[in-house]
Amino acid sequence: MTKEEIIKALDAMPALELSEFVKELQEHWGVSAAVAVAAPAAGAAPAAGAPAAAPAEEQTEFDVILKEIGPNKVNVIKVVREITALGLKESKDLVESAPKPVKERVSKAEAQQLKEKIEATGAVVEIK
């Protein structure tokens, strides 16, 4: 018997008889058509939840926060002054008031570069 002949035979069956036949096949082979139907619904659920989670995952602006000064306060002040273009007094005040944001709303790459530059002085930096 070919696939075409099987399809013709199934097409000729009344809907109720076909439904019972499908149930028998499921029991015989230990499978369920409901699982195949439920899989796209389960796949759709995370997709529906993804837009809510997407903004958190796709953060584009980061803050560079000086958490601790470390042992080289003068070097930290110099780097902060260079990064922020603040005056000496303002840079000193910012460093001494840690934890404090050094630079806000920068790209991830820039935030990482700034973090490395500040940490090279011995300070502790966090990116949020």
Protein backbone atom coordinates (compact mmCIF):
# COMPACT_ATOMS: atom_id res chain seq x y z
CA MET A 1 0.00 0.00 0.00
CA THR A 2 1.44 3.41 -0.98
CA LYS A 3 1.17 6.70 0.93
CA GLU A 4 -1.26 8.00 -1.65
CA GLU A 5 -3.56 5.01 -1.12
CA ILE A 6 -3.43 5.51 2.67
CA ILE A 7 -4.26 9.20 2.29
CA LYS A 8 -7.22 8.36 0.00
CA ALA A 9 -8.49 5.81 2.52
CA LEU A 10 -8.20 8.36 5.35
CA ASP A 11 -9.96 11.00 3.25
CA ALA A 12 -12.87 8.60 2.75
CA MET A 13 -13.31 8.02 6.53
CA PRO A 14 -15.97 9.94 8.45
CA ALA A 15 -14.52 12.47 10.93
CA LEU A 16 -15.59 10.51 14.03
CA GLU A 17 -14.08 7.28 12.71
CA LEU A 18 -10.87 9.13 11.74
CA SER A 19 -10.63 10.65 15.23
CA GLU A 20 -10.93 7.18 16.82
CA PHE A 21 -8.33 5.84 14.38
CA VAL A 22 -5.88 8.60 15.37
CA LYS A 23 -6.40 7.79 19.06
CA GLU A 24 -5.69 4.10 18.39
CA LEU A 25 -2.49 5.01 16.51
CA GLN A 26 -1.38 7.24 19.38
CA GLU A 27 -1.93 4.44 21.90
CA HIS A 28 -0.24 1.88 19.66
CA TRP A 29 2.92 3.96 19.13
CA GLY A 30 2.85 5.72 22.52
CA VAL A 31 2.78 9.20 21.03
CA SER A 32 0.43 12.13 21.36
CA ALA A 33 -0.60 14.73 18.82
CA ALA A 34 -1.39 17.03 21.77
CA VAL A 35 2.34 17.34 22.52
CA ALA A 36 3.01 18.52 18.98
CA VAL A 37 0.22 21.08 19.29
CA ALA A 38 1.37 22.18 22.77
CA ALA A 39 4.99 22.66 21.70
CA PRO A 40 4.31 25.74 19.55
CA ALA A 41 2.15 27.16 22.34
CA ALA A 42 4.98 26.62 24.81
CA GLY A 43 7.40 28.17 22.33
CA ALA A 44 5.07 31.11 21.92
CA ALA A 45 4.89 31.75 25.67
CA PRO A 46 8.57 32.72 26.05
CA ALA A 47 8.27 34.81 22.91
CA ALA A 48 5.34 36.63 24.48
CA GLY A 49 7.39 37.08 27.68
CA ALA A 50 10.53 38.03 25.76
CA PRO A 51 9.50 41.63 24.99
CA ALA A 52 9.16 42.25 28.73
CA ALA A 53 12.61 40.78 29.35
CA ALA A 54 14.22 42.23 26.23
CA PRO A 55 14.75 45.78 27.55
CA ALA A 56 16.73 44.45 30.51
CA GLU A 57 18.83 42.23 28.26
CA GLU A 58 19.37 44.88 25.63
CA GLN A 59 20.72 47.58 27.91
CA THR A 60 22.54 50.11 25.77
CA GLU A 61 23.52 52.71 28.34
CA PHE A 62 25.71 51.96 31.33
CA ASP A 63 26.93 53.86 34.37
CA VAL A 64 30.55 53.62 35.54
CA ILE A 65 30.56 53.76 39.33
CA LEU A 66 33.62 54.28 41.51
CA LYS A 67 33.01 51.94 44.47
CA GLU A 68 36.30 52.27 46.39
CA ILE A 69 39.28 54.56 45.96
CA GLY A 70 42.00 52.05 46.73
CA PRO A 71 45.56 52.91 47.83
CA ASN A 72 46.39 55.49 45.08
CA LYS A 73 43.94 58.31 45.69
CA VAL A 74 46.00 60.86 43.73
CA ASN A 75 46.16 58.63 40.63
CA VAL A 76 42.43 57.95 40.84
CA ILE A 77 41.75 61.69 40.98
CA LYS A 78 43.97 62.24 37.92
CA VAL A 79 42.16 59.57 35.90
CA VAL A 80 38.71 60.77 37.00
CA ARG A 81 39.68 64.33 36.07
CA GLU A 82 40.83 63.13 32.65
CA ILE A 83 37.68 61.08 32.04
CA THR A 84 35.16 63.65 33.24
CA ALA A 85 36.88 66.91 32.28
CA LEU A 86 36.10 68.17 35.78
CA GLY A 87 38.38 70.54 37.62
CA LEU A 88 40.83 69.32 40.25
CA LYS A 89 38.58 70.18 43.21
CA GLU A 90 35.47 68.63 41.62
CA SER A 91 37.39 65.45 40.73
CA LYS A 92 38.80 65.23 44.27
CA ASP A 93 35.32 65.69 45.76
CA LEU A 94 33.87 63.02 43.45
CA VAL A 95 36.61 60.50 44.34
CA GLU A 96 36.37 61.18 48.08
CA SER A 97 32.60 60.69 48.04
CA ALA A 98 32.80 57.14 46.58
CA PRO A 99 30.70 55.17 45.84
CA LYS A 100 29.73 57.63 43.16
CA PRO A 101 29.01 57.52 39.40
CA VAL A 102 32.02 58.73 37.42
CA LYS A 103 30.35 58.64 34.02
CA GLU A 104 26.71 57.90 33.22
CA ARG A 105 24.85 56.66 30.15
CA VAL A 106 27.82 55.48 28.13
CA SER A 107 28.07 52.56 25.72
CA LYS A 108 29.12 49.17 27.01
CA ALA A 109 32.47 49.37 25.21
CA GLU A 110 33.22 52.82 26.62
CA ALA A 111 32.13 51.74 30.10
CA GLN A 112 34.47 48.75 29.94
CA GLN A 113 37.39 50.94 28.80
CA LEU A 114 36.76 53.45 31.58
CA LYS A 115 36.50 50.68 34.15
CA GLU A 116 39.85 49.21 33.07
CA LYS A 117 41.48 52.64 33.11
CA ILE A 118 40.26 53.47 36.62
CA GLU A 119 40.98 49.98 37.99
CA ALA A 120 44.58 50.32 36.75
CA THR A 121 45.02 52.87 39.56
CA GLY A 122 43.94 50.32 42.18
CA ALA A 123 40.37 51.56 42.56
CA VAL A 124 37.28 49.33 42.53
CA VAL A 125 34.79 50.11 39.76
CA GLU A 126 31.36 48.72 38.92
CA ILE A 127 29.37 48.96 35.69
CA LYS A 128 25.59 49.14 36.02
